[in-house]
Amino acid sequence: MPEPPQTDEGWYALHDFRTVDWDAWRDTPERERERAIEAGVRYLESHEAVEDAEEGASAVFGLLGHKADLLLLHFRPTLDDLSTAERRFERTALAGFTDRATSYVSVTEVSGYVSDAYFESEASEPSDDEAETGEVSQGGAESIDEGLRRYIEGKLKPDIPDDEYVSFYPMKKRRGEVYNWYDLPFDERAELMSGHGDVGRKFAGRIKQVIASSVGFDDYEWGVTLFAADPTDIKDIVYEMRFDEASSKYGEFGRFYVGRRFPPSDLGTFLAGDPVPTSEHGVDNGVHGGRGEGGRAEAGNHHGGGAHHAHGGGEDARDGHGRGRDESADASEEIRGELEELNVYAGKPHGEDVYATVLYSEADPAELFKEVEGLRGNFDHYGTHVKTAVYEASDGERSAVVSVWETASAAETAAGFLSELPGIVSRAGEESGFGTMGMFYTVEPEHREDFVGKFATVGGLLDDMEGHHGTDLMVNREDENDMFISSQWRSKEDAMAFFRSEEFRDTVRWGRDVLADRPRHVFLA
């Protein structure tokens, strides 16, 4: 009998597809519709906050086409948790205006096709003596690469990206007379899945996928959920994978569902036929929303966010509800233009920007670097990864983990893994006030000490400037000539006042003689 791969399971998943009875909705008095919206928003907000379980994730999506209007997506630790979430929706007034079009039940899964080392470590638990002393033999549970462990944990306990498009489809492996997946030897199946994975890695940073097994739970063998900021990326990855042998010979697929996530507060806007999410389309969700004052909806994007950039952050970069993508892009371009007018290099030419996520840690730098190395090895598999490094502050009080990517979504995904590193205390762009960051000052080796001395001089001037909170010179642990300067200000106006100063102009002119390249001001994801 062919050898089956080992599997490990994580959260259970429920894809609950709903159609809206539009005739009943139109014929219902407005006050009853408002009550149904309020009940629906309360349910959705409660489940997105995972108030019903110890952990998990939930989201609502508006779907296109005749197959369904809404997708309620839940990930929870147990099937009982999913059952509770399912039945609580049926108790809402909104449920009376919907019918279930279909549903899909599964559990997130990784298999031995992904990594033998992961399952070897799971099987090699420490002995009683090892557990008591803390010393684990080579090949034991602690020998697995930490980056791989975190990668797999992300597959088993997935998050749901904000405001992105979704595609869901079930699939199974063929059991035909000519092509039977389950008759193939393990090594041949593993090789086919490796090639299949190579196709998927071309879309790293553009596609987030959740693979969940439904063997014994539903009609197919897996449920596949794809998330993307650009829906054509979903089309492209499915199209290219159709030509891969693992799919072309052995894959069979069910119906596809496509839609886009919106925040619970936009439920009324969705039911009114207006564009969602409102934060992107500039629609006032007004009475169509949820639980604002006087029964009115709270405007804006429930998920918050918008893109941060290297010359922003904190309250100036996003208000309580977050900015839409267009607004954030406009703000980024405005600041870039101001800096360029001051002859400050503000990034690569438009359309060739890179994006960074920067997290600060107070952990031991050697311990931090060891864990970052593991993650970096996995990041290097993705074509959008530019670099990930640990920078240490000159005063030794903290380190910065900097991960640079070609797309904002890839940088944001990386931040999820990096945030679990030891000693993380903050993320650049989320502090109060306004942050500036000149990244990748590559110094000529013979001028390194001059550069450090110049920083000390400029740092003294900054200490006396109004609105300046603090500045650090961060040095790459692997390359002492690679540095960035991180400053925190009370406001953008205070920071720009420094950039307009004669002292800063002198520093820029002086830097041209000691830097190996122009400083790059990247955008923070």
Protein backbone atom coordinates (compact mmCIF):
# COMPACT_ATOMS: atom_id res chain seq x y z
CA MET A 1 0.00 0.00 0.00
CA PRO A 2 1.40 3.48 -0.88
CA GLU A 3 2.60 5.50 2.11
CA PRO A 4 0.23 8.33 3.16
CA PRO A 5 1.85 11.60 4.23
CA GLN A 6 1.76 12.63 7.86
CA THR A 7 -0.55 15.54 8.66
CA ASP A 8 -0.94 18.08 11.41
CA GLU A 9 -4.18 19.98 11.96
CA GLY A 10 -4.95 23.46 13.27
CA TRP A 11 -8.15 25.50 13.33
CA TYR A 12 -11.47 24.28 11.98
CA ALA A 13 -13.03 26.33 9.19
CA LEU A 14 -16.63 27.09 8.22
CA HIS A 15 -17.43 28.82 4.94
CA ASP A 16 -21.09 29.82 5.35
CA PHE A 17 -22.53 31.05 2.02
CA ARG A 18 -25.75 33.09 2.22
CA THR A 19 -28.17 34.49 -0.31
CA VAL A 20 -30.29 37.53 0.56
CA ASP A 21 -34.06 37.42 -0.02
CA TRP A 22 -34.07 40.76 -1.82
CA ASP A 23 -37.84 40.77 -2.40
CA ALA A 24 -38.50 40.32 1.32
CA TRP A 25 -35.87 42.93 2.16
CA ARG A 26 -37.44 45.55 -0.12
CA ASP A 27 -40.95 44.87 1.22
CA THR A 28 -39.94 45.17 4.89
CA PRO A 29 -40.52 48.48 6.73
CA GLU A 30 -37.39 50.57 7.18
CA ARG A 31 -37.38 50.29 10.98
CA GLU A 32 -37.33 46.48 10.78
CA ARG A 33 -34.51 46.61 8.24
CA GLU A 34 -32.54 48.87 10.59
CA ARG A 35 -33.05 46.40 13.46
CA ALA A 36 -31.85 43.55 11.24
CA ILE A 37 -28.76 45.55 10.23
CA GLU A 38 -27.99 46.44 13.86
CA ALA A 39 -28.31 42.77 14.87
CA GLY A 40 -26.13 41.69 11.96
CA VAL A 41 -23.44 44.24 12.76
CA ARG A 42 -23.41 43.20 16.44
CA TYR A 43 -22.99 39.56 15.43
CA LEU A 44 -20.24 40.26 12.88
CA GLU A 45 -18.29 42.61 15.14
CA SER A 46 -18.51 40.17 18.04
CA HIS A 47 -17.20 37.30 15.94
CA GLU A 48 -14.46 39.33 14.25
CA ALA A 49 -13.34 40.18 17.81
CA VAL A 50 -13.54 36.41 18.59
CA GLU A 51 -15.60 37.04 21.72
CA ASP A 52 -17.10 33.56 21.39
CA ALA A 53 -13.88 31.50 21.67
CA GLU A 54 -10.35 31.55 23.05
CA GLU A 55 -8.82 32.21 19.63
CA GLY A 56 -9.67 32.23 15.95
CA ALA A 57 -10.61 34.61 13.14
CA SER A 58 -13.80 35.67 11.34
CA ALA A 59 -14.77 37.94 8.46
CA VAL A 60 -17.65 38.80 6.15
CA PHE A 61 -17.36 39.07 2.37
CA GLY A 62 -19.72 40.38 -0.29
CA LEU A 63 -19.87 37.87 -3.16
CA LEU A 64 -20.49 38.33 -6.88
CA GLY A 65 -22.73 36.29 -9.12
CA HIS A 66 -25.84 34.19 -8.61
CA LYS A 67 -24.41 31.52 -6.32
CA ALA A 68 -24.42 33.58 -3.09
CA ASP A 69 -24.47 37.16 -1.79
CA LEU A 70 -22.51 36.84 1.46
CA LEU A 71 -19.75 34.66 2.84
CA LEU A 72 -19.39 34.38 6.62
CA LEU A 73 -15.95 32.87 7.20
CA HIS A 74 -14.95 31.48 10.60
CA PHE A 75 -11.77 29.82 11.87
CA ARG A 76 -12.03 28.34 15.38
CA PRO A 77 -10.06 25.85 17.53
CA THR A 78 -12.87 23.27 17.71
CA LEU A 79 -15.85 22.06 15.70
CA ASP A 80 -18.06 22.93 18.66
CA ASP A 81 -16.87 26.55 18.41
CA LEU A 82 -17.89 26.59 14.73
CA SER A 83 -21.26 25.09 15.54
CA THR A 84 -21.87 27.82 18.12
CA ALA A 85 -20.91 30.59 15.69
CA GLU A 86 -23.19 29.07 13.05
CA ARG A 87 -26.23 28.79 15.31
CA ARG A 88 -25.79 32.25 16.85
CA PHE A 89 -26.13 33.81 13.43
CA GLU A 90 -29.43 31.99 12.94
CA ARG A 91 -30.74 33.73 16.08
CA THR A 92 -30.20 37.22 14.58
CA ALA A 93 -32.92 39.24 12.88
CA LEU A 94 -30.70 39.44 9.81
CA ALA A 95 -30.73 35.65 9.37
CA GLY A 96 -34.46 35.81 8.63
CA PHE A 97 -33.67 37.68 5.41
CA THR A 98 -31.09 35.13 4.23
CA ASP A 99 -31.03 31.55 3.03
CA ARG A 100 -28.03 29.28 3.13
CA ALA A 101 -26.86 28.66 -0.42
CA THR A 102 -24.24 26.13 0.65
CA SER A 103 -21.51 25.68 3.24
CA TYR A 104 -18.14 24.00 3.60
CA VAL A 105 -16.52 22.49 6.70
CA SER A 106 -12.80 21.72 6.92
CA VAL A 107 -9.72 21.92 9.15
CA THR A 108 -6.45 23.70 8.32
CA GLU A 109 -3.68 21.24 7.59
CA VAL A 110 -0.02 20.84 6.76
CA SER A 111 1.36 17.57 5.47
CA GLY A 112 4.61 15.70 5.12
CA TYR A 113 4.87 17.05 1.59
CA VAL A 114 5.77 20.43 3.19
CA SER A 115 8.53 19.38 5.57
CA ASP A 116 9.74 16.05 6.89
CA ALA A 117 11.74 17.90 9.55
CA TYR A 118 8.59 19.33 11.10
CA PHE A 119 7.04 15.91 11.60
CA GLU A 120 10.32 14.38 12.73
CA SER A 121 10.53 17.01 15.47
CA GLU A 122 6.92 16.38 16.44
CA ALA A 123 7.69 12.67 16.77
CA SER A 124 10.91 13.27 18.73
CA GLU A 125 9.51 14.73 21.94
CA PRO A 126 12.05 15.26 24.75
CA SER A 127 12.58 12.46 27.23
CA ASP A 128 11.71 12.96 30.90
CA ASP A 129 15.37 13.70 31.67
CA GLU A 130 15.60 16.18 28.79
CA ALA A 131 12.39 17.90 29.87
CA GLU A 132 13.68 18.24 33.42
CA THR A 133 17.13 19.57 32.46
CA GLY A 134 16.01 21.58 29.45
CA GLU A 135 18.65 19.86 27.30
CA VAL A 136 17.25 18.39 24.11
CA SER A 137 19.24 15.97 22.01
CA GLN A 138 20.05 16.70 18.36
CA GLY A 139 17.01 15.88 16.25
CA GLY A 140 14.64 16.51 19.15
CA ALA A 141 11.69 18.84 19.25
CA GLU A 142 13.85 21.95 19.48
CA SER A 143 16.04 21.11 16.48
CA ILE A 144 13.46 22.25 13.93
CA ASP A 145 14.22 25.57 12.27
CA GLU A 146 12.30 28.25 14.16
CA GLY A 147 11.40 30.06 10.96
CA LEU A 148 9.82 26.89 9.55
CA ARG A 149 7.90 26.35 12.77
CA ARG A 150 6.46 29.87 12.61
CA TYR A 151 5.63 29.45 8.92
CA ILE A 152 3.70 26.25 9.63
CA GLU A 153 1.93 27.78 12.62
CA GLY A 154 0.75 30.54 10.30
CA LYS A 155 -0.74 27.89 8.01
CA LEU A 156 -2.50 26.12 10.89
CA LYS A 157 -3.78 29.28 12.58
CA PRO A 158 -4.32 31.73 9.71
CA ASP A 159 -5.31 35.36 9.89
CA ILE A 160 -7.69 36.93 7.38
CA PRO A 161 -6.31 39.90 5.39
CA ASP A 162 -8.23 43.17 5.63
CA ASP A 163 -10.23 44.52 2.69
CA GLU A 164 -8.93 41.95 0.20
CA TYR A 165 -10.58 39.87 -2.48
CA VAL A 166 -11.32 36.23 -1.79
CA SER A 167 -11.78 33.13 -3.89
CA PHE A 168 -12.93 29.82 -2.45
CA TYR A 169 -13.15 26.47 -4.17
CA PRO A 170 -13.18 22.80 -3.10
CA MET A 171 -10.94 20.24 -4.76
CA LYS A 172 -9.94 16.60 -4.65
CA LYS A 173 -7.36 14.29 -6.16
CA ARG A 174 -8.34 12.10 -9.10
CA ARG A 175 -8.92 8.36 -8.66
CA GLY A 176 -9.30 7.42 -12.33
CA GLU A 177 -8.27 4.24 -14.10
CA VAL A 178 -5.38 6.03 -15.83
CA TYR A 179 -4.48 8.69 -13.27
CA ASN A 180 -4.94 7.73 -9.63
CA TRP A 181 -3.16 10.00 -7.14
CA TYR A 182 -3.52 7.53 -4.33
CA ASP A 183 -1.72 4.78 -6.22
CA LEU A 184 1.45 6.86 -6.66
CA PRO A 185 4.47 6.21 -4.42
CA PHE A 186 5.06 8.85 -1.72
CA ASP A 187 8.27 10.16 -3.30
CA GLU A 188 6.54 10.76 -6.62
CA ARG A 189 3.64 12.56 -4.94
CA ALA A 190 6.10 14.66 -2.92
CA GLU A 191 7.99 15.63 -6.07
CA LEU A 192 4.77 16.67 -7.81
CA MET A 193 3.69 18.74 -4.81
CA SER A 194 7.11 20.39 -4.69
CA GLY A 195 6.70 21.51 -8.30
CA HIS A 196 3.19 22.67 -7.49
CA GLY A 197 4.60 24.74 -4.65
CA ASP A 198 7.17 26.31 -6.97
CA VAL A 199 4.33 27.74 -9.05
CA GLY A 200 2.66 29.12 -5.93
CA ARG A 201 5.86 30.77 -4.68
CA LYS A 202 5.91 32.95 -7.79
CA PHE A 203 2.90 34.70 -6.27
CA ALA A 204 4.41 35.23 -2.82
CA GLY A 205 3.42 38.61 -1.46
CA ARG A 206 0.45 38.80 -3.84
CA ILE A 207 -1.55 35.74 -2.77
CA LYS A 208 -2.25 34.40 0.71
CA GLN A 209 -3.72 30.92 0.66
CA VAL A 210 -5.35 28.74 3.30
CA ILE A 211 -5.48 25.00 2.59
CA ALA A 212 -7.93 23.07 4.77
CA SER A 213 -8.67 19.36 4.68
CA SER A 214 -12.27 18.24 4.42
CA VAL A 215 -11.71 14.48 4.23
CA GLY A 216 -14.57 12.98 6.24
CA PHE A 217 -16.09 16.46 6.77
CA ASP A 218 -17.48 17.50 3.38
CA ASP A 219 -17.94 16.43 -0.24
CA TYR A 220 -14.43 17.16 -1.51
CA GLU A 221 -11.03 16.55 0.07
CA TRP A 222 -9.78 20.12 0.54
CA GLY A 223 -11.15 23.61 0.67
CA VAL A 224 -8.85 26.26 -0.83
CA THR A 225 -9.21 29.93 0.13
CA LEU A 226 -7.17 32.55 -1.74
CA PHE A 227 -6.81 36.18 -0.69
CA ALA A 228 -5.36 38.96 -2.87
CA ALA A 229 -5.37 42.75 -3.15
CA ASP A 230 -5.65 42.40 -6.94
CA PRO A 231 -8.30 39.90 -8.12
CA THR A 232 -6.38 39.20 -11.33
CA ASP A 233 -3.66 37.61 -9.20
CA ILE A 234 -6.25 35.04 -8.12
CA LYS A 235 -7.09 34.32 -11.74
CA ASP A 236 -3.42 34.09 -12.70
CA ILE A 237 -2.35 31.66 -9.96
CA VAL A 238 -5.27 29.31 -10.64
CA TYR A 239 -4.61 29.51 -14.38
CA GLU A 240 -0.89 28.77 -14.09
CA MET A 241 -1.45 25.92 -11.67
CA ARG A 242 -3.84 24.27 -14.12
CA PHE A 243 -0.79 23.55 -16.29
CA ASP A 244 1.12 21.98 -13.41
CA GLU A 245 1.08 18.18 -13.52
CA ALA A 246 -0.28 17.85 -9.98
CA SER A 247 -3.40 19.69 -11.21
CA SER A 248 -3.60 18.83 -14.89
CA LYS A 249 -3.49 15.07 -14.32
CA TYR A 250 -4.66 14.66 -10.75
CA GLY A 251 -6.78 17.67 -9.74
CA GLU A 252 -10.59 17.91 -9.77
CA PHE A 253 -12.35 21.11 -8.72
CA GLY A 254 -15.76 22.20 -7.50
CA ARG A 255 -17.54 25.54 -7.83
CA PHE A 256 -15.64 28.79 -7.41
CA TYR A 257 -16.88 31.71 -5.30
CA VAL A 258 -15.36 35.20 -5.51
CA GLY A 259 -15.94 38.37 -3.50
CA ARG A 260 -14.40 41.05 -1.31
CA ARG A 261 -14.16 41.60 2.42
CA PHE A 262 -15.89 44.57 4.03
CA PRO A 263 -16.05 45.68 7.67
CA PRO A 264 -19.19 44.86 9.70
CA SER A 265 -20.03 48.57 9.93
CA ASP A 266 -20.56 48.53 6.14
CA LEU A 267 -23.28 45.88 6.26
CA GLY A 268 -26.10 48.40 5.73
CA THR A 269 -24.19 50.02 2.87
CA PHE A 270 -23.80 46.62 1.22
CA LEU A 271 -27.52 45.86 1.58
CA ALA A 272 -28.35 49.32 0.19
CA GLY A 273 -26.47 48.48 -3.01
CA ASP A 274 -23.64 50.99 -2.48
CA PRO A 275 -19.92 50.20 -2.95
CA VAL A 276 -18.02 48.60 -0.06
CA PRO A 277 -15.69 48.95 1.70
CA THR A 278 -16.83 52.54 2.19
CA SER A 279 -13.34 53.62 3.28
CA GLU A 280 -12.08 53.06 -0.26
CA HIS A 281 -15.07 54.30 -2.21
CA GLY A 282 -15.76 57.38 -0.12
CA VAL A 283 -19.37 56.38 0.59
CA ASP A 284 -20.95 57.60 3.82
CA ASN A 285 -22.49 54.51 5.35
CA GLY A 286 -24.78 56.76 7.46
CA VAL A 287 -27.88 54.96 8.74
CA HIS A 288 -26.89 51.88 6.77
CA GLY A 289 -24.11 51.05 9.21
CA GLY A 290 -24.06 49.74 12.71
CA ARG A 291 -23.70 50.93 16.23
CA GLY A 292 -22.70 54.59 16.15
CA GLU A 293 -24.31 57.29 18.25
CA GLY A 294 -28.06 57.54 17.83
CA GLY A 295 -28.14 54.31 15.86
CA ARG A 296 -26.02 55.78 13.07
CA ALA A 297 -23.09 53.91 11.69
CA GLU A 298 -19.52 54.72 12.54
CA ALA A 299 -17.86 55.93 9.38
CA GLY A 300 -14.61 54.62 8.03
CA ASN A 301 -12.89 51.28 7.86
CA HIS A 302 -13.45 49.01 10.83
CA HIS A 303 -10.14 47.31 10.21
CA GLY A 304 -8.11 50.54 10.36
CA GLY A 305 -4.80 50.74 8.60
CA GLY A 306 -3.92 52.17 5.29
CA ALA A 307 -0.30 52.18 4.24
CA HIS A 308 2.31 53.74 6.49
CA HIS A 309 5.33 55.32 4.93
CA ALA A 310 8.82 56.06 6.05
CA HIS A 311 7.94 59.65 6.89
CA GLY A 312 4.81 59.07 8.87
CA GLY A 313 3.08 56.99 11.45
CA GLY A 314 1.17 57.24 14.63
CA GLU A 315 -1.86 59.50 14.79
CA ASP A 316 -0.77 61.64 11.85
CA ALA A 317 -0.64 58.65 9.54
CA ARG A 318 -4.02 57.13 10.39
CA ASP A 319 -7.04 58.26 12.30
CA GLY A 320 -9.17 56.09 14.56
CA HIS A 321 -10.84 54.37 11.66
CA GLY A 322 -7.88 54.26 9.28
CA ARG A 323 -7.33 55.80 5.91
CA GLY A 324 -8.35 54.44 2.55
CA ARG A 325 -5.60 53.31 0.22
CA ASP A 326 -6.00 56.28 -2.12
CA GLU A 327 -5.72 58.76 0.75
CA SER A 328 -2.62 57.07 2.14
CA ALA A 329 -1.01 56.98 -1.29
CA ASP A 330 -1.73 60.69 -1.73
CA ALA A 331 -0.17 61.46 1.66
CA SER A 332 2.89 59.40 0.77
CA GLU A 333 3.34 61.24 -2.52
CA GLU A 334 2.88 64.61 -0.81
CA ILE A 335 5.65 63.91 1.69
CA ARG A 336 7.89 62.47 -1.03
CA GLY A 337 7.43 65.66 -3.04
CA GLU A 338 8.27 67.91 -0.07
CA LEU A 339 11.48 66.00 0.57
CA GLU A 340 12.52 66.03 -3.06
CA GLU A 341 12.03 69.81 -3.11
CA LEU A 342 14.55 69.90 -0.26
CA ASN A 343 16.93 67.73 -2.32
CA VAL A 344 16.36 64.78 0.00
CA TYR A 345 16.21 61.48 -1.87
CA ALA A 346 12.74 60.14 -1.06
CA GLY A 347 12.79 56.65 -2.51
CA LYS A 348 13.21 54.87 -5.80
CA PRO A 349 11.39 56.28 -8.85
CA HIS A 350 7.60 55.99 -8.74
CA GLY A 351 6.46 52.45 -9.48
CA GLU A 352 9.70 50.93 -8.20
CA ASP A 353 9.24 51.52 -4.48
CA VAL A 354 10.09 48.98 -1.84
CA TYR A 355 8.20 48.53 1.40
CA ALA A 356 9.51 47.81 4.86
CA THR A 357 8.18 46.55 8.14
CA VAL A 358 10.29 47.57 11.14
CA LEU A 359 9.82 46.18 14.64
CA TYR A 360 11.80 47.13 17.72
CA SER A 361 12.93 44.52 20.26
CA GLU A 362 14.56 44.71 23.68
CA ALA A 363 15.67 41.06 23.54
CA ASP A 364 19.31 40.01 23.61
CA PRO A 365 20.62 40.88 20.11
CA ALA A 366 22.34 37.52 19.63
CA GLU A 367 19.18 35.62 20.54
CA LEU A 368 17.09 37.88 18.31
CA PHE A 369 19.48 37.50 15.37
CA LYS A 370 19.38 33.70 15.64
CA GLU A 371 15.59 33.64 15.31
CA VAL A 372 15.58 36.22 12.52
CA GLU A 373 18.04 34.05 10.56
CA GLY A 374 15.51 31.21 10.62
CA LEU A 375 12.71 33.40 9.34
CA ARG A 376 14.93 34.99 6.73
CA GLY A 377 15.74 31.60 5.26
CA ASN A 378 12.04 31.09 4.58
CA PHE A 379 11.53 34.64 3.31
CA ASP A 380 14.27 34.05 0.74
CA HIS A 381 12.03 31.52 -0.99
CA TYR A 382 9.80 34.38 -2.12
CA GLY A 383 10.66 36.50 -5.14
CA THR A 384 9.35 39.71 -3.54
CA HIS A 385 11.76 39.53 -0.57
CA VAL A 386 14.54 42.13 -0.73
CA LYS A 387 16.26 41.81 2.64
CA THR A 388 15.71 41.13 6.33
CA ALA A 389 18.28 42.18 8.91
CA VAL A 390 18.81 43.08 12.56
CA TYR A 391 20.03 46.60 13.35
CA GLU A 392 21.37 47.50 16.80
CA ALA A 393 21.04 50.94 18.39
CA SER A 394 24.28 52.73 19.18
CA ASP A 395 23.25 53.00 22.83
CA GLY A 396 22.54 49.25 22.98
CA GLU A 397 19.07 49.69 24.45
CA ARG A 398 17.12 48.09 21.62
CA SER A 399 17.39 46.43 18.23
CA ALA A 400 15.36 46.87 15.07
CA VAL A 401 14.28 44.03 12.81
CA VAL A 402 13.93 45.43 9.29
CA SER A 403 12.26 43.40 6.54
CA VAL A 404 12.10 44.96 3.06
CA TRP A 405 9.81 43.69 0.29
CA GLU A 406 8.74 44.70 -3.19
CA THR A 407 5.05 44.90 -2.24
CA ALA A 408 3.24 46.37 0.76
CA SER A 409 1.11 43.25 1.24
CA ALA A 410 4.20 41.01 1.43
CA ALA A 411 5.79 43.32 4.01
CA GLU A 412 2.56 43.29 6.02
CA THR A 413 2.43 39.48 5.92
CA ALA A 414 6.05 39.29 7.08
CA ALA A 415 5.17 41.57 9.99
CA GLY A 416 2.81 38.89 11.30
CA PHE A 417 5.71 36.47 11.67
CA LEU A 418 8.18 39.04 12.94
CA SER A 419 5.80 40.27 15.62
CA GLU A 420 6.24 36.95 17.42
CA LEU A 421 10.00 37.43 17.81
CA PRO A 422 11.26 37.78 21.39
CA GLY A 423 11.14 41.12 23.14
CA ILE A 424 9.11 43.01 20.52
CA VAL A 425 7.96 46.29 22.08
CA SER A 426 6.74 48.39 19.14
CA ARG A 427 6.41 48.67 15.40
CA ALA A 428 7.61 51.65 13.41
CA GLY A 429 4.70 53.75 12.25
CA GLU A 430 2.51 52.84 15.20
CA GLU A 431 4.10 55.10 17.81
CA SER A 432 2.36 58.31 18.77
CA GLY A 433 3.41 61.44 16.91
CA PHE A 434 5.33 61.33 13.64
CA GLY A 435 8.25 59.10 12.70
CA THR A 436 10.97 59.62 10.12
CA MET A 437 13.31 56.95 8.89
CA GLY A 438 16.26 57.33 6.54
CA MET A 439 17.12 53.77 5.64
CA PHE A 440 20.21 52.12 4.17
CA TYR A 441 22.83 54.77 4.66
CA THR A 442 25.66 52.74 3.15
CA VAL A 443 28.83 54.41 4.40
CA GLU A 444 32.25 54.19 2.78
CA PRO A 445 34.30 52.07 5.24
CA GLU A 446 37.04 54.70 5.58
CA HIS A 447 34.43 57.29 6.61
CA ARG A 448 32.45 55.18 9.07
CA GLU A 449 33.82 56.83 12.20
CA ASP A 450 33.26 60.25 10.63
CA PHE A 451 29.63 59.35 9.95
CA VAL A 452 29.07 58.16 13.52
CA GLY A 453 30.69 61.35 14.83
CA LYS A 454 28.52 63.47 12.56
CA PHE A 455 25.44 61.69 13.87
CA ALA A 456 26.45 62.54 17.42
CA THR A 457 26.77 66.19 16.45
CA VAL A 458 23.41 66.27 14.66
CA GLY A 459 21.87 64.33 17.54
CA GLY A 460 22.92 67.11 19.88
CA LEU A 461 21.18 69.66 17.67
CA LEU A 462 18.04 67.51 17.54
CA ASP A 463 17.87 67.32 21.32
CA ASP A 464 17.39 71.08 21.39
CA MET A 465 14.73 71.19 18.68
CA GLU A 466 11.11 71.74 19.60
CA GLY A 467 8.92 68.71 19.01
CA HIS A 468 11.80 66.20 18.85
CA HIS A 469 11.24 63.11 21.02
CA GLY A 470 14.30 61.01 20.24
CA THR A 471 16.68 59.69 17.57
CA ASP A 472 18.62 56.42 17.24
CA LEU A 473 21.46 55.41 14.92
CA MET A 474 20.82 51.75 14.07
CA VAL A 475 23.67 49.61 12.69
CA ASN A 476 23.27 46.37 10.74
CA ARG A 477 24.58 43.51 12.86
CA GLU A 478 26.07 41.87 9.77
CA ASP A 479 27.44 44.98 8.06
CA GLU A 480 28.67 47.86 10.22
CA ASN A 481 28.62 50.20 7.22
CA ASP A 482 24.86 49.73 6.69
CA MET A 483 22.85 52.03 8.97
CA PHE A 484 19.59 53.88 9.35
CA ILE A 485 18.52 56.79 11.52
CA SER A 486 15.15 56.58 13.22
CA SER A 487 13.61 59.72 14.71
CA GLN A 488 10.36 60.37 16.54
CA TRP A 489 8.67 63.76 16.44
CA ARG A 490 5.62 65.39 17.92
CA SER A 491 4.24 66.15 14.47
CA LYS A 492 5.04 66.16 10.78
CA GLU A 493 5.47 69.94 10.91
CA ASP A 494 8.21 69.60 13.55
CA ALA A 495 10.07 67.03 11.44
CA MET A 496 9.78 69.09 8.27
CA ALA A 497 11.11 72.12 10.15
CA PHE A 498 14.31 70.15 10.75
CA PHE A 499 14.50 69.04 7.09
CA ARG A 500 14.24 72.69 6.06
CA SER A 501 17.00 73.80 8.44
CA GLU A 502 20.45 74.89 7.31
CA GLU A 503 21.99 72.29 9.65
CA PHE A 504 20.20 69.51 7.80
CA ARG A 505 21.24 70.90 4.40
CA ASP A 506 24.85 70.96 5.59
CA THR A 507 24.56 67.35 6.73
CA VAL A 508 23.13 66.27 3.36
CA ARG A 509 25.94 68.02 1.49
CA TRP A 510 28.54 66.47 3.78
CA GLY A 511 26.99 63.01 3.39
CA ARG A 512 27.55 62.99 -0.37
CA ASP A 513 31.26 62.64 0.28
CA VAL A 514 31.10 59.77 2.77
CA LEU A 515 28.17 57.63 1.57
CA ALA A 516 28.66 54.79 -0.90
CA ASP A 517 25.12 55.30 -2.26
CA ARG A 518 22.19 57.64 -1.91
CA PRO A 519 20.10 57.02 1.22
CA ARG A 520 16.84 55.27 0.48
CA HIS A 521 13.67 56.40 2.24
CA VAL A 522 11.40 53.39 1.90
CA PHE A 523 7.69 53.20 2.67
CA LEU A 524 6.55 51.43 5.80
CA ALA A 525 3.89 48.79 5.13
